[in-house]
Amino acid sequence: MMAIALQQVGCLDIPDEMIMPQWDVELNVPLIKRTYSLEEIIKSDKQNYINLDPQSDSIYYIQSDKYEIASGISQFITVTNQRASQNNNVNASATDSTQIFLAFPEGAQLNEAIFTKGFLAFSARNQSLLESMTLTLRVPGIISPSGSQFVATIPLAPGQSDSVKYDLSGYRYKEPVNQLFLFKGQIWLIAKAATATNLAASALLNAYSSDFLFSSATGYLPVKSLGVTESTNDLKIGDAIDFRDKAFLREATLKLTANYKSPAANPFEIEVKDLKVIGRRNNGGSLTLAFNNSPNLTLRFHNGSFDTSFTQLNSNITEFLTFLPDQISVSAEYIMNPDDDRAYHTATSQDSVKFETSFTSRSFFALKKSTIVDTSEVKLSDDDRDRVRDGRAAYLTVEIENGIPLTTWLKADMVDKNYNLLFTITKNEGKDSLYFLGAEVGANGEVTKKTITTTTMQLDSSQIQKLADAKYFIHTTSVRTRDAYNNPPPTVALRGNQKLSIKAYGGVKYFIKEDKK
């Protein structure tokens, strides 16, 4: 029996060499594992006005400086046009004989005032060819700095003409209580022509008022404009420029504050007319802030403040702030007594008007598009690269965990050590990027749930060979709000704790023999 068994064994087909075990092994190819904060995606941290505190889950908040135009109103109490009372005949007399009433420049009617400057001028001609005279002019309402009544004298030889001009700087005016009611608000002059013997002599007198500037004045002042005052300030947006042409903002607010201060109890009404706020970019582009569909705003106030706010409901402040200008120009025309009210009021050189604007916006964004580019190294040893070349099958997988309510596109390029493109990861022919949905949001734009998406791409034999030569993985991530180019676009809340996580890796199955273990 033993002989038979040995004979059977001898008939078996025995190989000349020992054959080692063989099987398929999967090699992992890590590419990237990175989490991006919202801050990294749409901004950097060096600008002035956009702030984010991830620790407190704060919302993005844009706050501008205050932009102001301010002016004293000394020009409001300037009356410059000359007024005259001419061809007044003053008969010679031993007492005051002639009363003349001279209007204030520009038709102003004053009860009292303090002169910073101003001029009274007189010209006279002695109509007598025989006798000299002295013409004396007294103004009961004008008091010199020393407290004395204004008096002017003009000596005139027979047939002579002469003129004088007086500077009223430092003088005060107070309308006399006994001034004729019919001429209230005008300058009362009392003239006297004195001669030695000839009471039939007379003088012809002209009186002029001009260039009155008051440190304070009470009475009627006609409508007066300071003209257009403009102030331009740099917005200093710094790296907030990252938002430019990328985002729509929501919940933007423009705060307008106007202050008119006066020590007087009954100041004039002031009108801020045609207020314009214009944002300008350095490239020449501009956008005008619209108030209730109008490019300018007019407001009035007495002594006190005017305070109001404009939102997207009554202005284009949202569009304006989204525009992110480099400069803000604020201009307006100041008008005193805009209705030409003839009631008496007081204006002083201490009166001032200041107008301020400031902007705020919370971070409810419709992001048009924001893109970041990052590069990671494909860390494979030379042995691993040889194993990839032996690969029988391979795949690349991208996992996105999106906690930001922004749709994401990922363009992933494999390049060699010289950054030459080897191939692009894509699942759709004709497309060079992968698409991932943003986090789910509720009706108020707040995130309700993260979106997790996994995409796997099978590599063909050519791509497997190229993967072995891959040195770098360049990924371009773009985000935007869904339907961001609709008008108006939907908006979402962007908060400090929102993040986007990207994980990419590959696997290669290759044939292995035991002696290569």
Protein backbone atom coordinates (compact mmCIF):
# COMPACT_ATOMS: atom_id res chain seq x y z
CA MET A 1 0.00 0.00 0.00
CA MET A 2 2.84 2.35 0.83
CA ALA A 3 4.37 1.77 -2.58
CA ILE A 4 1.14 2.65 -4.28
CA ALA A 5 0.87 5.89 -2.32
CA LEU A 6 4.36 6.95 -3.19
CA GLN A 7 3.72 6.19 -6.78
CA GLN A 8 0.65 8.46 -6.76
CA VAL A 9 2.57 11.34 -5.25
CA GLY A 10 5.28 10.99 -7.80
CA CYS A 11 2.72 11.52 -10.51
CA LEU A 12 1.69 15.04 -9.18
CA ASP A 13 2.72 18.27 -11.14
CA ILE A 14 5.17 19.88 -8.71
CA PRO A 15 6.38 23.49 -9.63
CA ASP A 16 10.06 24.09 -9.92
CA GLU A 17 9.88 27.19 -7.56
CA MET A 18 7.86 28.12 -4.52
CA ILE A 19 4.90 30.41 -5.59
CA MET A 20 4.25 33.24 -3.01
CA PRO A 21 0.70 34.55 -2.22
CA GLN A 22 -0.70 37.43 -4.37
CA TRP A 23 -3.61 39.89 -3.67
CA ASP A 24 -4.98 43.44 -4.25
CA VAL A 25 -4.11 46.14 -1.69
CA GLU A 26 -5.57 49.67 -1.39
CA LEU A 27 -3.18 52.56 -0.91
CA ASN A 28 -4.63 55.67 0.74
CA VAL A 29 -3.72 59.03 -0.86
CA PRO A 30 -4.48 61.96 1.50
CA LEU A 31 -4.94 65.29 -0.29
CA ILE A 32 -6.46 67.88 2.05
CA LYS A 33 -8.31 68.21 5.30
CA ARG A 34 -9.07 71.87 5.93
CA THR A 35 -11.71 73.95 7.67
CA TYR A 36 -12.30 77.53 6.51
CA SER A 37 -13.93 80.14 8.68
CA LEU A 38 -16.30 82.61 7.16
CA GLU A 39 -13.72 85.29 7.82
CA GLU A 40 -11.16 83.53 5.60
CA ILE A 41 -13.64 83.17 2.76
CA ILE A 42 -14.83 86.72 2.33
CA LYS A 43 -12.50 89.03 4.18
CA SER A 44 -9.22 89.52 5.95
CA ASP A 45 -8.69 91.15 9.31
CA LYS A 46 -7.03 94.46 8.47
CA GLN A 47 -9.91 96.72 7.49
CA ASN A 48 -11.58 99.24 9.74
CA TYR A 49 -15.30 98.86 9.58
CA ILE A 50 -16.25 95.18 9.31
CA ASN A 51 -15.98 93.25 12.50
CA LEU A 52 -16.53 89.65 13.51
CA ASP A 53 -16.15 87.92 16.83
CA PRO A 54 -16.44 84.16 16.33
CA GLN A 55 -16.21 83.56 20.08
CA SER A 56 -19.48 85.35 20.74
CA ASP A 57 -21.13 84.14 17.56
CA SER A 58 -21.54 87.77 16.61
CA ILE A 59 -22.89 88.75 13.27
CA TYR A 60 -20.85 90.68 10.73
CA TYR A 61 -21.43 94.37 11.37
CA ILE A 62 -20.36 97.27 9.21
CA GLN A 63 -20.09 100.62 11.00
CA SER A 64 -18.82 103.77 9.34
CA ASP A 65 -17.37 106.90 10.86
CA LYS A 66 -19.55 109.95 11.12
CA TYR A 67 -19.33 112.15 8.05
CA GLU A 68 -20.25 115.74 8.68
CA ILE A 69 -20.57 119.16 7.18
CA ALA A 70 -20.56 121.98 9.67
CA SER A 71 -20.69 125.73 9.42
CA GLY A 72 -21.07 128.80 11.52
CA ILE A 73 -23.75 131.09 10.20
CA SER A 74 -21.95 134.40 10.38
CA GLN A 75 -22.68 134.88 6.69
CA PHE A 76 -26.37 134.71 7.53
CA ILE A 77 -26.07 137.98 9.45
CA THR A 78 -24.30 139.85 6.72
CA VAL A 79 -26.25 142.37 4.67
CA THR A 80 -24.08 143.84 1.98
CA ASN A 81 -26.11 145.51 -0.75
CA GLN A 82 -26.00 149.27 -0.47
CA ARG A 83 -29.12 151.20 0.49
CA ALA A 84 -29.48 154.97 0.06
CA SER A 85 -31.63 157.92 1.03
CA GLN A 86 -30.85 160.64 -1.51
CA ASN A 87 -31.55 164.29 -2.26
CA ASN A 88 -32.71 165.13 1.25
CA ASN A 89 -32.99 168.92 1.62
CA VAL A 90 -31.70 170.11 4.99
CA ASN A 91 -32.66 173.74 5.73
CA ALA A 92 -30.46 175.88 7.92
CA SER A 93 -31.72 175.93 11.49
CA ALA A 94 -30.55 176.60 14.99
CA THR A 95 -32.04 173.26 16.06
CA ASP A 96 -32.36 169.79 14.58
CA SER A 97 -34.60 170.32 11.62
CA THR A 98 -34.65 167.29 9.33
CA GLN A 99 -35.44 163.62 9.98
CA ILE A 100 -34.21 161.03 7.51
CA PHE A 101 -34.82 157.27 7.53
CA LEU A 102 -32.23 155.03 5.91
CA ALA A 103 -32.97 151.38 5.17
CA PHE A 104 -30.58 148.65 6.24
CA PRO A 105 -28.83 146.88 3.36
CA GLU A 106 -30.85 144.18 1.58
CA GLY A 107 -34.05 145.48 3.15
CA ALA A 108 -33.30 144.08 6.59
CA GLN A 109 -35.32 145.56 9.45
CA LEU A 110 -33.53 145.48 12.77
CA ASN A 111 -34.49 146.19 16.32
CA GLU A 112 -30.99 145.76 17.69
CA ALA A 113 -27.59 144.54 16.53
CA ILE A 114 -23.88 144.50 17.28
CA PHE A 115 -21.64 145.51 14.38
CA THR A 116 -18.59 143.49 13.45
CA LYS A 117 -18.13 145.85 10.56
CA GLY A 118 -20.23 148.11 8.38
CA PHE A 119 -20.24 151.53 6.84
CA LEU A 120 -22.33 154.68 6.92
CA ALA A 121 -21.45 157.16 4.21
CA PHE A 122 -22.70 160.69 3.62
CA SER A 123 -22.31 163.16 0.77
CA ALA A 124 -23.55 166.74 0.99
CA ARG A 125 -23.54 169.97 -1.01
CA ASN A 126 -23.91 173.47 0.38
CA GLN A 127 -26.50 175.08 -1.86
CA SER A 128 -25.62 178.57 -0.64
CA LEU A 129 -23.03 180.43 -2.67
CA LEU A 130 -22.57 183.07 0.01
CA GLU A 131 -22.23 181.45 3.39
CA SER A 132 -20.45 178.51 4.90
CA MET A 133 -22.30 175.93 6.98
CA THR A 134 -21.70 172.93 9.20
CA LEU A 135 -23.87 169.90 8.62
CA THR A 136 -24.35 167.73 11.70
CA LEU A 137 -25.79 164.21 11.50
CA ARG A 138 -26.96 162.37 14.58
CA VAL A 139 -28.05 158.71 14.68
CA PRO A 140 -29.87 158.05 17.98
CA GLY A 141 -29.88 154.26 17.52
CA ILE A 142 -26.15 153.75 16.87
CA ILE A 143 -23.89 153.80 19.93
CA SER A 144 -20.08 153.94 19.80
CA PRO A 145 -17.84 151.54 21.74
CA SER A 146 -17.42 154.30 24.35
CA GLY A 147 -21.18 154.55 24.81
CA SER A 148 -21.83 157.82 23.01
CA GLN A 149 -24.37 158.44 20.28
CA PHE A 150 -23.12 158.40 16.70
CA VAL A 151 -22.51 161.95 15.45
CA ALA A 152 -20.97 163.06 12.16
CA THR A 153 -20.10 166.58 11.09
CA ILE A 154 -19.41 167.86 7.61
CA PRO A 155 -18.15 171.49 7.25
CA LEU A 156 -19.11 172.96 3.88
CA ALA A 157 -17.82 176.16 2.27
CA PRO A 158 -20.19 178.11 0.03
CA GLY A 159 -21.23 175.94 -2.93
CA GLN A 160 -18.88 173.12 -1.75
CA SER A 161 -19.60 169.39 -1.89
CA ASP A 162 -17.98 166.83 0.40
CA SER A 163 -18.38 163.22 1.52
CA VAL A 164 -17.42 161.15 4.57
CA LYS A 165 -17.49 157.45 5.40
CA TYR A 166 -17.57 155.90 8.88
CA ASP A 167 -16.60 152.40 9.94
CA LEU A 168 -19.08 151.02 12.46
CA SER A 169 -16.87 148.18 13.76
CA GLY A 170 -17.57 147.73 17.46
CA TYR A 171 -20.69 149.92 17.41
CA ARG A 172 -24.10 148.76 18.64
CA TYR A 173 -27.53 149.44 17.30
CA LYS A 174 -30.71 149.75 19.35
CA GLU A 175 -33.82 151.15 17.77
CA PRO A 176 -35.03 154.18 19.77
CA VAL A 177 -38.32 153.62 21.54
CA ASN A 178 -39.65 156.94 20.22
CA GLN A 179 -38.88 156.16 16.56
CA LEU A 180 -41.88 156.66 14.31
CA PHE A 181 -43.78 153.38 13.91
CA LEU A 182 -44.06 153.88 10.17
CA PHE A 183 -40.27 153.68 9.88
CA LYS A 184 -39.57 150.95 12.37
CA GLY A 185 -36.68 148.68 11.39
CA GLN A 186 -34.80 151.51 9.63
CA ILE A 187 -31.93 153.75 10.67
CA TRP A 188 -33.17 157.10 12.04
CA LEU A 189 -30.92 160.07 11.18
CA ILE A 190 -31.44 163.63 12.47
CA ALA A 191 -29.73 166.34 10.40
CA LYS A 192 -28.97 170.00 11.24
CA ALA A 193 -27.47 172.66 8.95
CA ALA A 194 -26.00 175.58 10.90
CA THR A 195 -24.95 178.92 9.38
CA ALA A 196 -23.77 182.18 10.95
CA THR A 197 -26.56 184.46 9.65
CA ASN A 198 -28.44 183.09 6.61
CA LEU A 199 -31.30 180.88 7.75
CA ALA A 200 -32.47 180.60 4.16
CA ALA A 201 -29.45 178.51 3.28
CA SER A 202 -29.79 174.72 2.80
CA ALA A 203 -27.79 171.61 2.08
CA LEU A 204 -28.55 168.62 -0.13
CA LEU A 205 -27.76 165.36 1.73
CA ASN A 206 -27.35 161.76 0.60
CA ALA A 207 -26.95 158.87 3.11
CA TYR A 208 -25.77 155.32 2.38
CA SER A 209 -25.57 152.06 4.33
CA SER A 210 -23.48 149.13 3.12
CA ASP A 211 -21.56 145.96 4.03
CA PHE A 212 -23.08 145.37 7.45
CA LEU A 213 -21.80 142.33 9.31
CA PHE A 214 -23.20 141.66 12.75
CA SER A 215 -22.08 139.45 15.58
CA SER A 216 -25.74 139.38 16.53
CA ALA A 217 -28.88 140.85 15.07
CA THR A 218 -32.55 140.86 16.07
CA GLY A 219 -35.22 141.72 13.59
CA TYR A 220 -36.16 140.70 10.09
CA LEU A 221 -33.42 139.31 7.86
CA PRO A 222 -34.37 138.33 4.33
CA VAL A 223 -33.92 134.84 2.89
CA LYS A 224 -30.22 134.15 2.73
CA SER A 225 -28.24 131.21 1.43
CA LEU A 226 -24.71 130.23 2.33
CA GLY A 227 -24.43 128.43 -0.96
CA VAL A 228 -23.55 124.75 -1.20
CA THR A 229 -21.23 123.42 1.47
CA GLU A 230 -19.52 120.09 0.74
CA SER A 231 -17.33 117.79 2.77
CA THR A 232 -15.53 114.72 1.39
CA ASN A 233 -14.08 111.99 3.59
CA ASP A 234 -12.22 108.78 2.84
CA LEU A 235 -14.18 105.72 3.85
CA LYS A 236 -10.90 103.92 4.64
CA ILE A 237 -12.43 100.55 3.83
CA GLY A 238 -9.07 98.76 3.81
CA ASP A 239 -9.53 95.07 3.13
CA ALA A 240 -13.28 95.49 3.28
CA ILE A 241 -12.75 95.96 -0.43
CA ASP A 242 -12.96 92.15 -0.46
CA PHE A 243 -16.73 92.63 -0.28
CA ARG A 244 -16.85 94.92 -3.29
CA ASP A 245 -18.96 93.57 -6.15
CA LYS A 246 -19.37 90.32 -4.24
CA ALA A 247 -22.08 90.93 -1.70
CA PHE A 248 -25.49 92.49 -1.34
CA LEU A 249 -26.18 93.76 2.17
CA ARG A 250 -29.42 93.81 4.10
CA GLU A 251 -30.58 95.71 7.16
CA ALA A 252 -28.40 98.69 6.28
CA THR A 253 -29.26 101.97 8.01
CA LEU A 254 -28.34 105.60 7.38
CA LYS A 255 -28.57 107.83 10.44
CA LEU A 256 -28.98 111.55 9.80
CA THR A 257 -28.44 114.06 12.60
CA ALA A 258 -28.61 117.80 12.18
CA ASN A 259 -27.89 120.19 15.04
CA TYR A 260 -28.61 123.90 15.09
CA LYS A 261 -27.34 125.63 18.20
CA SER A 262 -27.94 129.24 19.13
CA PRO A 263 -27.73 131.17 22.40
CA ALA A 264 -30.77 133.17 21.30
CA ALA A 265 -34.24 132.35 22.57
CA ASN A 266 -35.92 132.93 19.21
CA PRO A 267 -33.52 131.89 16.43
CA PHE A 268 -34.37 131.95 12.77
CA GLU A 269 -35.57 128.82 11.02
CA ILE A 270 -32.80 127.08 9.09
CA GLU A 271 -33.34 124.88 6.06
CA VAL A 272 -30.90 122.23 4.95
CA LYS A 273 -31.71 122.09 1.27
CA ASP A 274 -30.79 119.49 -1.32
CA LEU A 275 -28.75 117.33 0.99
CA LYS A 276 -26.80 114.87 -1.15
CA VAL A 277 -24.72 111.90 -0.10
CA ILE A 278 -22.55 110.52 -2.91
CA GLY A 279 -20.25 107.52 -2.73
CA ARG A 280 -17.28 107.65 -5.08
CA ARG A 281 -14.77 105.00 -6.04
CA ASN A 282 -11.21 105.75 -7.02
CA ASN A 283 -11.88 104.35 -10.49
CA GLY A 284 -14.41 107.12 -11.16
CA GLY A 285 -17.57 105.18 -10.36
CA SER A 286 -20.15 106.81 -8.13
CA LEU A 287 -23.53 106.13 -6.57
CA THR A 288 -25.92 108.71 -5.11
CA LEU A 289 -27.90 107.86 -2.01
CA ALA A 290 -31.62 108.21 -2.76
CA PHE A 291 -34.11 109.35 -0.13
CA ASN A 292 -37.64 108.19 -0.93
CA ASN A 293 -36.63 107.85 -4.59
CA SER A 294 -35.15 111.35 -4.65
CA PRO A 295 -31.43 112.12 -5.03
CA ASN A 296 -31.60 114.84 -2.37
CA LEU A 297 -33.30 115.62 0.90
CA THR A 298 -34.53 118.90 2.36
CA LEU A 299 -35.21 119.39 6.07
CA ARG A 300 -35.85 122.24 8.47
CA PHE A 301 -35.34 122.78 12.14
CA HIS A 302 -35.28 125.49 14.75
CA ASN A 303 -32.79 125.61 17.59
CA GLY A 304 -32.34 121.95 18.48
CA SER A 305 -31.82 118.72 16.60
CA PHE A 306 -33.19 116.85 13.66
CA ASP A 307 -32.65 113.12 13.93
CA THR A 308 -33.91 110.49 11.53
CA SER A 309 -32.92 107.19 9.98
CA PHE A 310 -33.27 105.74 6.52
CA THR A 311 -33.47 102.03 5.78
CA GLN A 312 -34.03 99.89 2.71
CA LEU A 313 -37.75 100.68 3.05
CA ASN A 314 -37.36 104.38 2.25
CA SER A 315 -33.96 104.67 0.57
CA ASN A 316 -31.36 102.79 -1.42
CA ILE A 317 -29.02 102.63 1.57
CA THR A 318 -28.61 98.88 1.11
CA GLU A 319 -27.42 99.33 -2.48
CA PHE A 320 -25.30 102.30 -1.42
CA LEU A 321 -23.44 100.44 1.29
CA THR A 322 -23.09 97.36 -0.90
CA PHE A 323 -21.35 99.66 -3.41
CA LEU A 324 -18.55 100.19 -0.83
CA PRO A 325 -17.20 103.53 -2.09
CA ASP A 326 -13.70 104.80 -1.36
CA GLN A 327 -15.00 108.25 -0.44
CA ILE A 328 -18.22 109.74 0.92
CA SER A 329 -19.21 113.27 -0.12
CA VAL A 330 -21.91 115.08 1.83
CA SER A 331 -23.20 118.38 0.48
CA ALA A 332 -26.07 120.68 1.29
CA GLU A 333 -27.21 124.27 0.97
CA TYR A 334 -27.99 126.13 4.18
CA ILE A 335 -30.80 128.70 3.97
CA MET A 336 -31.89 131.03 6.76
CA ASN A 337 -35.49 132.19 6.99
CA PRO A 338 -36.49 130.09 3.95
CA ASP A 339 -40.11 131.32 3.99
CA ASP A 340 -39.06 134.99 4.26
CA ASP A 341 -40.90 135.26 7.55
CA ARG A 342 -41.03 138.95 8.50
CA ALA A 343 -41.43 138.24 12.20
CA TYR A 344 -38.45 139.29 14.29
CA HIS A 345 -35.91 136.63 15.22
CA THR A 346 -32.31 136.64 16.43
CA ALA A 347 -29.16 135.37 14.74
CA THR A 348 -25.71 135.41 16.32
CA SER A 349 -22.18 134.63 15.25
CA GLN A 350 -22.21 131.83 17.83
CA ASP A 351 -24.97 130.04 15.96
CA SER A 352 -23.80 126.87 14.27
CA VAL A 353 -25.22 124.19 12.06
CA LYS A 354 -23.75 120.72 11.89
CA PHE A 355 -24.99 117.84 9.83
CA GLU A 356 -23.80 114.26 10.40
CA THR A 357 -24.32 111.00 8.56
CA SER A 358 -23.27 107.51 9.58
CA PHE A 359 -23.93 104.08 8.13
CA THR A 360 -24.42 100.65 9.65
CA SER A 361 -25.24 97.25 8.22
CA ARG A 362 -25.67 93.86 9.81
CA SER A 363 -24.38 90.88 7.90
CA PHE A 364 -27.41 89.61 6.11
CA PHE A 365 -25.68 89.03 2.81
CA ALA A 366 -26.49 87.88 -0.63
CA LEU A 367 -23.00 87.00 -1.74
CA LYS A 368 -22.47 87.26 -5.49
CA LYS A 369 -19.21 85.35 -5.52
CA SER A 370 -16.15 85.02 -3.36
CA THR A 371 -13.21 82.79 -4.19
CA ILE A 372 -10.20 81.49 -2.30
CA VAL A 373 -7.33 79.46 -3.75
CA ASP A 374 -5.27 77.08 -1.64
CA THR A 375 -2.53 74.56 -2.36
CA SER A 376 -1.60 71.40 -0.48
CA GLU A 377 1.18 68.92 -1.11
CA VAL A 378 0.46 65.38 -2.27
CA LYS A 379 2.58 63.49 0.24
CA LEU A 380 3.56 60.21 -1.38
CA SER A 381 6.89 58.47 -1.07
CA ASP A 382 8.74 57.25 -4.14
CA ASP A 383 7.68 53.69 -3.26
CA ASP A 384 4.06 54.78 -2.98
CA ARG A 385 4.27 56.48 -6.37
CA ASP A 386 5.57 53.21 -7.85
CA ARG A 387 2.63 51.41 -6.27
CA VAL A 388 0.22 53.94 -7.79
CA ARG A 389 1.73 53.23 -11.21
CA ASP A 390 0.94 49.57 -10.59
CA GLY A 391 -2.62 50.55 -9.75
CA ARG A 392 -5.46 48.47 -11.15
CA ALA A 393 -8.13 50.97 -10.06
CA ALA A 394 -8.26 54.33 -8.30
CA TYR A 395 -10.72 56.91 -7.05
CA LEU A 396 -10.71 60.39 -5.54
CA THR A 397 -13.31 61.51 -2.98
CA VAL A 398 -14.26 65.02 -1.84
CA GLU A 399 -16.32 65.50 1.30
CA ILE A 400 -17.85 68.89 2.09
CA GLU A 401 -19.44 69.78 5.40
CA ASN A 402 -21.02 73.18 4.78
CA GLY A 403 -22.22 75.12 7.81
CA ILE A 404 -22.32 78.38 5.84
CA PRO A 405 -25.48 79.22 3.91
CA LEU A 406 -23.50 79.64 0.70
CA THR A 407 -23.43 77.35 -2.32
CA THR A 408 -19.92 76.05 -2.95
CA TRP A 409 -17.98 75.15 -6.09
CA LEU A 410 -14.70 73.32 -5.77
CA LYS A 411 -12.25 73.20 -8.65
CA ALA A 412 -9.53 70.67 -7.84
CA ASP A 413 -6.43 70.44 -10.03
CA MET A 414 -3.66 67.86 -9.76
CA VAL A 415 -0.34 69.35 -10.90
CA ASP A 416 3.23 68.07 -11.12
CA LYS A 417 6.29 69.49 -9.38
CA ASN A 418 6.50 72.26 -12.00
CA TYR A 419 2.81 73.09 -11.51
CA ASN A 420 1.86 71.70 -14.89
CA LEU A 421 -1.75 70.55 -14.93
CA LEU A 422 -2.17 66.79 -14.92
CA PHE A 423 -5.94 66.53 -14.62
CA THR A 424 -8.94 68.17 -12.93
CA ILE A 425 -11.25 66.32 -10.58
CA THR A 426 -14.77 66.42 -12.02
CA LYS A 427 -17.73 64.12 -12.41
CA ASN A 428 -19.43 65.89 -15.28
CA GLU A 429 -17.96 66.12 -18.75
CA GLY A 430 -17.53 69.73 -19.78
CA LYS A 431 -17.52 70.93 -16.15
CA ASP A 432 -14.33 71.77 -14.31
CA SER A 433 -15.72 72.00 -10.79
CA LEU A 434 -17.75 70.13 -8.23
CA TYR A 435 -20.97 71.61 -6.85
CA PHE A 436 -22.03 71.50 -3.20
CA LEU A 437 -25.16 72.93 -1.63
CA GLY A 438 -24.98 75.51 1.13
CA ALA A 439 -26.36 74.99 4.61
CA GLU A 440 -30.12 74.91 4.88
CA VAL A 441 -31.71 78.18 6.04
CA GLY A 442 -35.08 79.20 7.37
CA ALA A 443 -37.32 82.05 6.24
CA ASN A 444 -35.31 84.51 8.34
CA GLY A 445 -32.03 83.63 6.60
CA GLU A 446 -30.61 81.81 9.62
CA VAL A 447 -28.91 78.40 9.25
CA THR A 448 -31.09 75.49 10.37
CA LYS A 449 -28.91 72.54 9.30
CA LYS A 450 -25.45 71.84 7.92
CA THR A 451 -25.22 70.19 4.51
CA ILE A 452 -22.87 67.21 4.14
CA THR A 453 -22.04 66.08 0.61
CA THR A 454 -19.67 63.34 -0.60
CA THR A 455 -18.56 63.09 -4.23
CA THR A 456 -16.40 60.25 -5.59
CA MET A 457 -14.71 60.16 -8.98
CA GLN A 458 -13.28 56.98 -10.54
CA LEU A 459 -9.95 57.51 -12.33
CA ASP A 460 -9.13 55.94 -15.65
CA SER A 461 -5.79 54.28 -16.41
CA SER A 462 -4.32 57.50 -17.80
CA GLN A 463 -5.30 59.48 -14.73
CA ILE A 464 -3.86 56.79 -12.46
CA GLN A 465 -0.47 57.21 -14.12
CA LYS A 466 -0.77 61.00 -13.79
CA LEU A 467 -1.71 60.68 -10.13
CA ALA A 468 1.66 59.01 -9.55
CA ASP A 469 3.33 62.21 -10.81
CA ALA A 470 1.09 64.57 -8.81
CA LYS A 471 3.05 66.83 -6.46
CA TYR A 472 0.44 69.42 -5.52
CA PHE A 473 -3.32 69.59 -5.12
CA ILE A 474 -4.58 73.08 -6.01
CA HIS A 475 -8.16 73.70 -4.98
CA THR A 476 -10.19 76.79 -5.78
CA THR A 477 -13.26 77.25 -3.63
CA SER A 478 -15.98 79.67 -4.70
CA VAL A 479 -19.07 80.50 -2.70
CA ARG A 480 -22.19 82.50 -3.34
CA THR A 481 -25.75 82.76 -2.16
CA ARG A 482 -28.21 80.65 -4.07
CA ASP A 483 -29.96 82.82 -6.71
CA ALA A 484 -27.58 85.65 -5.80
CA TYR A 485 -28.11 87.39 -9.14
CA ASN A 486 -31.87 87.62 -8.75
CA ASN A 487 -33.21 91.12 -8.17
CA PRO A 488 -33.60 91.38 -5.27
CA PRO A 489 -31.50 88.39 -4.26
CA PRO A 490 -32.36 86.23 -1.26
CA THR A 491 -30.25 87.09 1.77
CA VAL A 492 -28.76 84.95 4.49
CA ALA A 493 -27.29 85.58 7.94
CA LEU A 494 -23.53 85.14 8.11
CA ARG A 495 -22.31 84.45 11.62
CA GLY A 496 -18.95 84.00 13.25
CA ASN A 497 -19.34 80.31 14.10
CA GLN A 498 -20.14 79.22 10.56
CA LYS A 499 -17.49 77.11 8.85
CA LEU A 500 -16.83 75.18 5.66
CA SER A 501 -14.85 71.92 5.96
CA ILE A 502 -13.22 70.25 2.97
CA LYS A 503 -11.74 66.78 3.03
CA ALA A 504 -10.23 65.19 -0.09
CA TYR A 505 -8.48 61.85 -0.37
CA GLY A 506 -7.91 59.04 -2.83
CA GLY A 507 -7.49 55.32 -2.93
CA VAL A 508 -5.46 53.15 -5.32
CA LYS A 509 -5.83 49.38 -5.62
CA TYR A 510 -2.67 47.74 -6.80
CA PHE A 511 -1.50 44.14 -7.26
CA ILE A 512 0.98 43.01 -4.63
CA LYS A 513 3.16 39.96 -4.28
CA GLU A 514 4.42 38.65 -0.95
CA ASP A 515 8.05 39.41 -1.74
CA LYS A 516 7.13 43.08 -2.23
CA LYS A 517 5.50 43.38 1.15
